[in-house]
Amino acid sequence: MERIASHLEWSVLIGEDEDASPVDAGLRSLVPFSLDAEKLAVLTSAAKGFNERKVLIERIALEHQRHIRAALAHLREMLSAEQRSLLLKQASSRLDEQMRFYLRLDKAALLAGRVELTDGGECFHCKVSLSAFPRSEQAALAVLQKWLAPS
């Protein structure tokens, strides 16, 4: 697979009344390798959410190409052909000015063993910094087409 991205990050919010263990396992399931074996870690920080409730933020940030390629291939395999087609149709609206591509997977569905795209807040959030040259929407869309198009 040619270079698709320079950075990939998965993140999830865990409420103070939520059991963190299955959510952490769900986050780890989004990368197809052992974080420990690859000397990577789940980064954790705290924040205040709605009504001043404590929220834990867990992130996995990938910067090495072999990790990014493996994670992108894994994500592509997780998504159905219909989901990949939907992402391609919505690609322009999922890109920001820095050519970062965003998608969300429903948290409850993933923890139940299903992969569902969502626009809601209870999700695993993915941010992919696309390797699009020149840095333009047209180039970014071409990169996404290579990654998500039917084989």
N, C-alpha and C. Protein backbone atom coordinates (compact mmCIF):
# COMPACT_ATOMS: atom_id res chain seq x y z
N MET A 1 0.85 -1.18 0.00
CA MET A 1 0.00 0.00 0.00
C MET A 1 0.90 1.24 0.00
N GLU A 2 0.62 2.16 -0.93
CA GLU A 2 1.42 3.38 -0.95
C GLU A 2 1.02 4.28 0.22
N ARG A 3 1.80 5.29 0.43
CA ARG A 3 1.58 6.16 1.58
C ARG A 3 0.24 6.88 1.48
N ILE A 4 -0.61 6.62 2.46
CA ILE A 4 -1.94 7.22 2.52
C ILE A 4 -1.97 8.37 3.52
N ALA A 5 -1.26 8.19 4.64
CA ALA A 5 -1.35 9.17 5.72
C ALA A 5 -0.02 9.32 6.44
N SER A 6 0.14 10.46 7.07
CA SER A 6 1.35 10.72 7.86
C SER A 6 1.09 10.57 9.36
N HIS A 7 -0.17 10.50 9.75
CA HIS A 7 -0.53 10.39 11.16
C HIS A 7 -1.94 9.83 11.25
N LEU A 8 -2.18 8.99 12.24
CA LEU A 8 -3.51 8.46 12.48
C LEU A 8 -3.74 8.45 13.98
N GLU A 9 -4.90 8.90 14.39
CA GLU A 9 -5.20 8.94 15.82
C GLU A 9 -6.62 8.45 16.07
N TRP A 10 -6.75 7.51 17.00
CA TRP A 10 -8.04 7.07 17.52
C TRP A 10 -8.21 7.67 18.90
N SER A 11 -9.41 8.11 19.24
CA SER A 11 -9.67 8.61 20.59
C SER A 11 -11.09 8.24 21.00
N VAL A 12 -11.29 8.22 22.31
CA VAL A 12 -12.60 7.91 22.86
C VAL A 12 -12.73 8.62 24.21
N LEU A 13 -13.94 9.06 24.52
CA LEU A 13 -14.24 9.67 25.81
C LEU A 13 -14.91 8.62 26.69
N ILE A 14 -14.51 8.60 27.96
CA ILE A 14 -15.08 7.65 28.92
C ILE A 14 -15.64 8.46 30.08
N GLY A 15 -16.94 8.36 30.29
CA GLY A 15 -17.60 9.08 31.38
C GLY A 15 -17.21 8.52 32.73
N GLU A 16 -17.34 9.35 33.77
CA GLU A 16 -16.92 8.92 35.11
C GLU A 16 -17.76 7.76 35.64
N ASP A 17 -18.97 7.59 35.13
CA ASP A 17 -19.82 6.49 35.58
C ASP A 17 -19.76 5.28 34.64
N GLU A 18 -18.84 5.32 33.69
CA GLU A 18 -18.71 4.26 32.69
C GLU A 18 -17.54 3.34 33.05
N ASP A 19 -17.70 2.04 32.81
CA ASP A 19 -16.62 1.08 33.05
C ASP A 19 -15.57 1.27 31.95
N ALA A 20 -14.37 1.68 32.33
CA ALA A 20 -13.33 2.00 31.36
C ALA A 20 -12.73 0.77 30.70
N SER A 21 -12.77 -0.37 31.35
CA SER A 21 -12.09 -1.56 30.84
C SER A 21 -12.58 -2.00 29.45
N PRO A 22 -13.90 -2.17 29.22
CA PRO A 22 -14.31 -2.58 27.88
C PRO A 22 -14.07 -1.50 26.82
N VAL A 23 -14.14 -0.24 27.22
CA VAL A 23 -13.89 0.85 26.27
C VAL A 23 -12.42 0.84 25.88
N ASP A 24 -11.54 0.64 26.84
CA ASP A 24 -10.10 0.55 26.55
C ASP A 24 -9.83 -0.63 25.61
N ALA A 25 -10.47 -1.77 25.87
CA ALA A 25 -10.30 -2.94 25.00
C ALA A 25 -10.82 -2.64 23.60
N GLY A 26 -11.94 -1.92 23.51
CA GLY A 26 -12.48 -1.53 22.21
C GLY A 26 -11.52 -0.63 21.45
N LEU A 27 -10.92 0.32 22.15
CA LEU A 27 -9.95 1.21 21.52
C LEU A 27 -8.76 0.41 21.00
N ARG A 28 -8.25 -0.49 21.82
CA ARG A 28 -7.10 -1.32 21.41
C ARG A 28 -7.44 -2.22 20.22
N SER A 29 -8.71 -2.60 20.09
CA SER A 29 -9.11 -3.48 18.98
C SER A 29 -9.06 -2.76 17.63
N LEU A 30 -8.94 -1.45 17.65
CA LEU A 30 -8.92 -0.67 16.41
C LEU A 30 -7.55 -0.65 15.75
N VAL A 31 -6.55 -1.19 16.43
CA VAL A 31 -5.23 -1.35 15.81
C VAL A 31 -4.92 -2.85 15.79
N PRO A 32 -4.37 -3.35 14.68
CA PRO A 32 -4.21 -4.80 14.51
C PRO A 32 -2.90 -5.36 15.05
N PHE A 33 -2.36 -4.72 16.06
CA PHE A 33 -1.11 -5.20 16.64
C PHE A 33 -1.13 -4.89 18.12
N SER A 34 -0.24 -5.53 18.85
CA SER A 34 -0.13 -5.29 20.29
C SER A 34 0.60 -3.97 20.53
N LEU A 35 -0.06 -3.07 21.23
CA LEU A 35 0.60 -1.80 21.55
C LEU A 35 1.85 -2.03 22.39
N ASP A 36 1.75 -2.95 23.34
CA ASP A 36 2.91 -3.24 24.20
C ASP A 36 4.08 -3.76 23.38
N ALA A 37 3.82 -4.71 22.48
CA ALA A 37 4.89 -5.29 21.66
C ALA A 37 5.53 -4.23 20.77
N GLU A 38 4.74 -3.26 20.33
CA GLU A 38 5.25 -2.20 19.45
C GLU A 38 5.75 -0.99 20.24
N LYS A 39 5.77 -1.11 21.56
CA LYS A 39 6.23 -0.03 22.45
C LYS A 39 5.43 1.25 22.24
N LEU A 40 4.12 1.07 22.10
CA LEU A 40 3.18 2.18 22.00
C LEU A 40 2.28 2.14 23.22
N ALA A 41 1.65 3.25 23.52
CA ALA A 41 0.80 3.32 24.70
C ALA A 41 -0.52 3.99 24.38
N VAL A 42 -1.51 3.68 25.19
CA VAL A 42 -2.75 4.43 25.17
C VAL A 42 -2.50 5.66 26.03
N LEU A 43 -2.64 6.83 25.43
CA LEU A 43 -2.42 8.09 26.13
C LEU A 43 -3.72 8.48 26.82
N THR A 44 -3.62 8.87 28.08
CA THR A 44 -4.80 9.18 28.86
C THR A 44 -4.72 10.59 29.41
N SER A 45 -5.82 11.31 29.32
CA SER A 45 -5.91 12.64 29.93
C SER A 45 -7.31 12.81 30.50
N ALA A 46 -7.47 13.81 31.33
CA ALA A 46 -8.77 14.07 31.95
C ALA A 46 -9.29 15.42 31.50
N ALA A 47 -10.61 15.52 31.48
CA ALA A 47 -11.24 16.79 31.10
C ALA A 47 -12.58 16.87 31.83
N LYS A 48 -13.21 18.03 31.71
CA LYS A 48 -14.56 18.19 32.26
C LYS A 48 -15.53 18.28 31.10
N GLY A 49 -16.57 17.47 31.18
CA GLY A 49 -17.58 17.45 30.13
C GLY A 49 -18.78 18.29 30.52
N PHE A 50 -19.92 17.92 29.98
CA PHE A 50 -21.16 18.63 30.28
C PHE A 50 -21.45 18.57 31.77
N ASN A 51 -21.99 19.65 32.31
CA ASN A 51 -22.35 19.75 33.73
C ASN A 51 -21.16 19.47 34.64
N GLU A 52 -19.95 19.84 34.17
CA GLU A 52 -18.73 19.69 34.98
C GLU A 52 -18.42 18.24 35.35
N ARG A 53 -18.95 17.30 34.61
CA ARG A 53 -18.67 15.88 34.89
C ARG A 53 -17.27 15.53 34.39
N LYS A 54 -16.59 14.70 35.15
CA LYS A 54 -15.25 14.27 34.76
C LYS A 54 -15.34 13.30 33.59
N VAL A 55 -14.42 13.49 32.65
CA VAL A 55 -14.35 12.64 31.47
C VAL A 55 -12.89 12.23 31.28
N LEU A 56 -12.68 10.96 31.00
CA LEU A 56 -11.36 10.44 30.68
C LEU A 56 -11.25 10.38 29.16
N ILE A 57 -10.15 10.85 28.62
CA ILE A 57 -9.91 10.79 27.18
C ILE A 57 -8.77 9.81 26.95
N GLU A 58 -9.03 8.78 26.16
CA GLU A 58 -7.98 7.82 25.80
C GLU A 58 -7.69 8.00 24.32
N ARG A 59 -6.38 7.97 23.97
CA ARG A 59 -5.95 8.16 22.58
C ARG A 59 -4.87 7.16 22.23
N ILE A 60 -4.89 6.75 20.97
CA ILE A 60 -3.78 6.00 20.38
C ILE A 60 -3.32 6.83 19.19
N ALA A 61 -2.08 7.27 19.22
CA ALA A 61 -1.53 8.08 18.13
C ALA A 61 -0.46 7.28 17.40
N LEU A 62 -0.60 7.16 16.09
CA LEU A 62 0.34 6.40 15.27
C LEU A 62 1.07 7.35 14.34
N GLU A 63 2.41 7.25 14.33
CA GLU A 63 3.22 8.14 13.51
C GLU A 63 4.17 7.41 12.57
N HIS A 64 4.42 6.13 12.83
CA HIS A 64 5.32 5.36 11.97
C HIS A 64 4.52 4.70 10.85
N GLN A 65 5.07 4.70 9.65
CA GLN A 65 4.34 4.21 8.48
C GLN A 65 3.86 2.77 8.62
N ARG A 66 4.66 1.89 9.20
CA ARG A 66 4.21 0.50 9.30
C ARG A 66 2.99 0.37 10.21
N HIS A 67 2.92 1.22 11.26
CA HIS A 67 1.75 1.21 12.13
C HIS A 67 0.54 1.82 11.42
N ILE A 68 0.76 2.93 10.73
CA ILE A 68 -0.33 3.61 10.03
C ILE A 68 -0.89 2.72 8.93
N ARG A 69 -0.01 2.12 8.13
CA ARG A 69 -0.47 1.24 7.05
C ARG A 69 -1.29 0.08 7.60
N ALA A 70 -0.80 -0.53 8.67
CA ALA A 70 -1.51 -1.67 9.27
C ALA A 70 -2.87 -1.23 9.81
N ALA A 71 -2.92 -0.09 10.48
CA ALA A 71 -4.18 0.40 11.05
C ALA A 71 -5.18 0.78 9.96
N LEU A 72 -4.70 1.40 8.88
CA LEU A 72 -5.59 1.76 7.77
C LEU A 72 -6.13 0.52 7.07
N ALA A 73 -5.28 -0.48 6.87
CA ALA A 73 -5.73 -1.73 6.25
C ALA A 73 -6.76 -2.42 7.14
N HIS A 74 -6.51 -2.40 8.44
CA HIS A 74 -7.43 -3.01 9.41
C HIS A 74 -8.78 -2.29 9.38
N LEU A 75 -8.75 -0.97 9.38
CA LEU A 75 -9.99 -0.20 9.34
C LEU A 75 -10.75 -0.48 8.04
N ARG A 76 -10.04 -0.53 6.94
CA ARG A 76 -10.68 -0.82 5.65
C ARG A 76 -11.37 -2.18 5.68
N GLU A 77 -10.73 -3.17 6.29
CA GLU A 77 -11.31 -4.51 6.40
C GLU A 77 -12.53 -4.51 7.32
N MET A 78 -12.51 -3.68 8.35
CA MET A 78 -13.63 -3.61 9.29
C MET A 78 -14.88 -3.02 8.64
N LEU A 79 -14.69 -2.08 7.73
CA LEU A 79 -15.81 -1.39 7.10
C LEU A 79 -16.38 -2.22 5.95
N SER A 80 -17.69 -2.20 5.83
CA SER A 80 -18.33 -2.89 4.71
C SER A 80 -18.15 -2.06 3.43
N ALA A 81 -18.42 -2.67 2.29
CA ALA A 81 -18.33 -1.95 1.02
C ALA A 81 -19.28 -0.76 1.02
N GLU A 82 -20.46 -0.93 1.61
CA GLU A 82 -21.43 0.17 1.68
C GLU A 82 -20.91 1.31 2.54
N GLN A 83 -20.27 0.97 3.66
CA GLN A 83 -19.72 2.01 4.54
C GLN A 83 -18.58 2.75 3.85
N ARG A 84 -17.72 2.03 3.15
CA ARG A 84 -16.63 2.68 2.42
C ARG A 84 -17.18 3.60 1.34
N SER A 85 -18.21 3.14 0.64
CA SER A 85 -18.85 3.96 -0.39
C SER A 85 -19.45 5.23 0.21
N LEU A 86 -20.10 5.09 1.35
CA LEU A 86 -20.68 6.26 2.03
C LEU A 86 -19.58 7.25 2.42
N LEU A 87 -18.48 6.75 2.95
CA LEU A 87 -17.37 7.64 3.33
C LEU A 87 -16.83 8.37 2.11
N LEU A 88 -16.73 7.69 0.98
CA LEU A 88 -16.26 8.35 -0.24
C LEU A 88 -17.24 9.42 -0.70
N LYS A 89 -18.54 9.14 -0.60
CA LYS A 89 -19.55 10.13 -0.99
C LYS A 89 -19.50 11.36 -0.09
N GLN A 90 -19.19 11.15 1.19
CA GLN A 90 -19.15 12.24 2.17
C GLN A 90 -17.75 12.81 2.35
N ALA A 91 -16.80 12.37 1.56
CA ALA A 91 -15.39 12.69 1.79
C ALA A 91 -15.12 14.18 1.93
N SER A 92 -15.68 15.00 1.07
CA SER A 92 -15.41 16.45 1.13
C SER A 92 -15.82 17.04 2.47
N SER A 93 -16.95 16.60 2.99
CA SER A 93 -17.42 17.14 4.27
C SER A 93 -16.67 16.56 5.47
N ARG A 94 -15.90 15.50 5.25
CA ARG A 94 -15.13 14.89 6.33
C ARG A 94 -13.67 15.35 6.35
N LEU A 95 -13.33 16.26 5.46
CA LEU A 95 -11.98 16.81 5.39
C LEU A 95 -11.95 18.20 6.00
N ASP A 96 -10.85 18.51 6.70
CA ASP A 96 -10.67 19.90 7.15
C ASP A 96 -9.63 20.58 6.25
N GLU A 97 -9.27 21.82 6.58
CA GLU A 97 -8.36 22.61 5.75
C GLU A 97 -6.96 22.02 5.69
N GLN A 98 -6.57 21.25 6.70
CA GLN A 98 -5.23 20.64 6.72
C GLN A 98 -5.24 19.24 6.10
N MET A 99 -6.31 18.89 5.42
CA MET A 99 -6.48 17.60 4.75
C MET A 99 -6.46 16.43 5.74
N ARG A 100 -7.08 16.68 6.90
CA ARG A 100 -7.31 15.61 7.87
C ARG A 100 -8.71 15.07 7.62
N PHE A 101 -8.81 13.75 7.59
CA PHE A 101 -10.07 13.05 7.32
C PHE A 101 -10.59 12.49 8.64
N TYR A 102 -11.87 12.69 8.91
CA TYR A 102 -12.46 12.28 10.18
C TYR A 102 -13.58 11.26 9.96
N LEU A 103 -13.64 10.30 10.88
CA LEU A 103 -14.78 9.40 10.91
C LEU A 103 -15.01 8.97 12.35
N ARG A 104 -16.23 8.52 12.60
CA ARG A 104 -16.61 8.07 13.95
C ARG A 104 -17.27 6.70 13.86
N LEU A 105 -16.92 5.84 14.82
CA LEU A 105 -17.56 4.54 14.94
C LEU A 105 -18.38 4.55 16.23
N ASP A 106 -19.61 4.10 16.13
CA ASP A 106 -20.50 4.08 17.29
C ASP A 106 -19.90 3.24 18.41
N LYS A 107 -19.82 3.83 19.60
CA LYS A 107 -19.17 3.16 20.73
C LYS A 107 -19.93 1.91 21.17
N ALA A 108 -21.23 2.02 21.38
CA ALA A 108 -22.01 0.86 21.85
C ALA A 108 -21.96 -0.28 20.84
N ALA A 109 -22.05 0.05 19.56
CA ALA A 109 -22.01 -0.99 18.52
C ALA A 109 -20.66 -1.68 18.51
N LEU A 110 -19.57 -0.92 18.57
CA LEU A 110 -18.24 -1.52 18.54
C LEU A 110 -18.03 -2.42 19.75
N LEU A 111 -18.48 -1.98 20.92
CA LEU A 111 -18.32 -2.79 22.12
C LEU A 111 -19.17 -4.06 22.06
N ALA A 112 -20.20 -4.04 21.19
CA ALA A 112 -21.04 -5.23 20.99
C ALA A 112 -20.56 -6.06 19.80
N GLY A 113 -19.43 -5.67 19.20
CA GLY A 113 -18.85 -6.46 18.13
C GLY A 113 -19.28 -6.06 16.73
N ARG A 114 -19.95 -4.91 16.59
CA ARG A 114 -20.38 -4.44 15.28
C ARG A 114 -19.66 -3.14 14.94
N VAL A 115 -19.52 -2.88 13.65
CA VAL A 115 -18.90 -1.63 13.19
C VAL A 115 -19.97 -0.80 12.51
N GLU A 116 -20.30 0.35 13.13
CA GLU A 116 -21.31 1.25 12.58
C GLU A 116 -20.76 2.66 12.56
N LEU A 117 -20.85 3.30 11.41
CA LEU A 117 -20.48 4.71 11.32
C LEU A 117 -21.55 5.53 12.04
N THR A 118 -21.13 6.65 12.63
CA THR A 118 -22.09 7.51 13.31
C THR A 118 -21.65 8.96 13.18
N ASP A 119 -22.59 9.85 13.40
CA ASP A 119 -22.28 11.27 13.51
C ASP A 119 -22.48 11.72 14.95
N GLY A 120 -22.88 10.80 15.82
CA GLY A 120 -23.15 11.11 17.22
C GLY A 120 -21.89 11.21 18.05
N GLY A 121 -22.07 11.64 19.28
CA GLY A 121 -20.95 11.89 20.17
C GLY A 121 -20.43 10.68 20.93
N GLU A 122 -21.25 9.66 21.13
CA GLU A 122 -20.82 8.46 21.84
C GLU A 122 -20.10 7.56 20.84
N CYS A 123 -18.80 7.83 20.67
CA CYS A 123 -18.11 7.17 19.56
C CYS A 123 -16.61 7.00 19.81
N PHE A 124 -16.03 6.20 18.95
CA PHE A 124 -14.58 6.15 18.79
C PHE A 124 -14.30 7.06 17.61
N HIS A 125 -13.44 8.03 17.81
CA HIS A 125 -13.19 9.08 16.82
C HIS A 125 -11.84 8.82 16.15
N CYS A 126 -11.82 8.87 14.82
CA CYS A 126 -10.60 8.64 14.06
C CYS A 126 -10.24 9.89 13.28
N LYS A 127 -8.97 10.29 13.38
CA LYS A 127 -8.46 11.43 12.62
C LYS A 127 -7.26 10.93 11.82
N VAL A 128 -7.33 11.09 10.50
CA VAL A 128 -6.28 10.62 9.60
C VAL A 128 -5.71 11.83 8.87
N SER A 129 -4.43 12.12 9.08
CA SER A 129 -3.75 13.20 8.35
C SER A 129 -3.28 12.64 7.02
N LEU A 130 -3.99 13.00 5.96
CA LEU A 130 -3.73 12.42 4.64
C LEU A 130 -2.44 12.94 4.04
N SER A 131 -1.74 12.06 3.33
CA SER A 131 -0.53 12.43 2.59
C SER A 131 -0.96 12.82 1.18
N ALA A 132 -1.47 14.03 1.06
CA ALA A 132 -1.99 14.52 -0.22
C ALA A 132 -1.09 15.64 -0.73
N PHE A 133 -0.53 15.43 -1.93
CA PHE A 133 0.38 16.42 -2.52
C PHE A 133 -0.06 16.69 -3.95
N PRO A 134 -0.24 17.95 -4.33
CA PRO A 134 -0.16 19.12 -3.46
C PRO A 134 -1.29 19.09 -2.43
N ARG A 135 -1.13 19.85 -1.39
CA ARG A 135 -2.10 19.85 -0.30
C ARG A 135 -3.37 20.56 -0.78
N SER A 136 -4.23 19.74 -1.36
CA SER A 136 -5.49 20.27 -1.90
C SER A 136 -6.59 19.24 -1.68
N GLU A 137 -7.81 19.71 -1.73
CA GLU A 137 -8.93 18.79 -1.56
C GLU A 137 -8.94 17.74 -2.66
N GLN A 138 -8.64 18.14 -3.87
CA GLN A 138 -8.63 17.21 -5.00
C GLN A 138 -7.60 16.09 -4.77
N ALA A 139 -6.41 16.45 -4.32
CA ALA A 139 -5.38 15.44 -4.04
C ALA A 139 -5.79 14.55 -2.88
N ALA A 140 -6.40 15.14 -1.84
CA ALA A 140 -6.85 14.36 -0.69
C ALA A 140 -7.94 13.37 -1.10
N LEU A 141 -8.86 13.81 -1.95
CA LEU A 141 -9.92 12.91 -2.42
C LEU A 141 -9.35 11.76 -3.24
N ALA A 142 -8.30 12.02 -3.99
CA ALA A 142 -7.64 10.96 -4.77
C ALA A 142 -7.00 9.93 -3.83
N VAL A 143 -6.39 10.39 -2.75
CA VAL A 143 -5.79 9.48 -1.76
C VAL A 143 -6.88 8.63 -1.12
N LEU A 144 -7.98 9.26 -0.74
CA LEU A 144 -9.09 8.52 -0.12
C LEU A 144 -9.67 7.49 -1.09
N GLN A 145 -9.74 7.84 -2.35
CA GLN A 145 -10.25 6.91 -3.37
C GLN A 145 -9.36 5.67 -3.43
N LYS A 146 -8.04 5.87 -3.39
CA LYS A 146 -7.11 4.73 -3.42
C LYS A 146 -7.30 3.83 -2.20
N TRP A 147 -7.54 4.44 -1.05
CA TRP A 147 -7.67 3.68 0.19
C TRP A 147 -9.02 2.97 0.30
N LEU A 148 -10.11 3.67 -0.01
CA LEU A 148 -11.44 3.16 0.28
C LEU A 148 -12.19 2.53 -0.90
N ALA A 149 -11.72 2.76 -2.11
CA ALA A 149 -12.44 2.25 -3.29
C ALA A 149 -12.46 0.73 -3.30
N PRO A 150 -13.46 0.15 -3.96
CA PRO A 150 -13.52 -1.32 -4.05
C PRO A 150 -12.24 -1.88 -4.68
N SER A 151 -11.83 -3.03 -4.20
CA SER A 151 -10.60 -3.66 -4.68
C SER A 151 -10.74 -4.15 -6.09
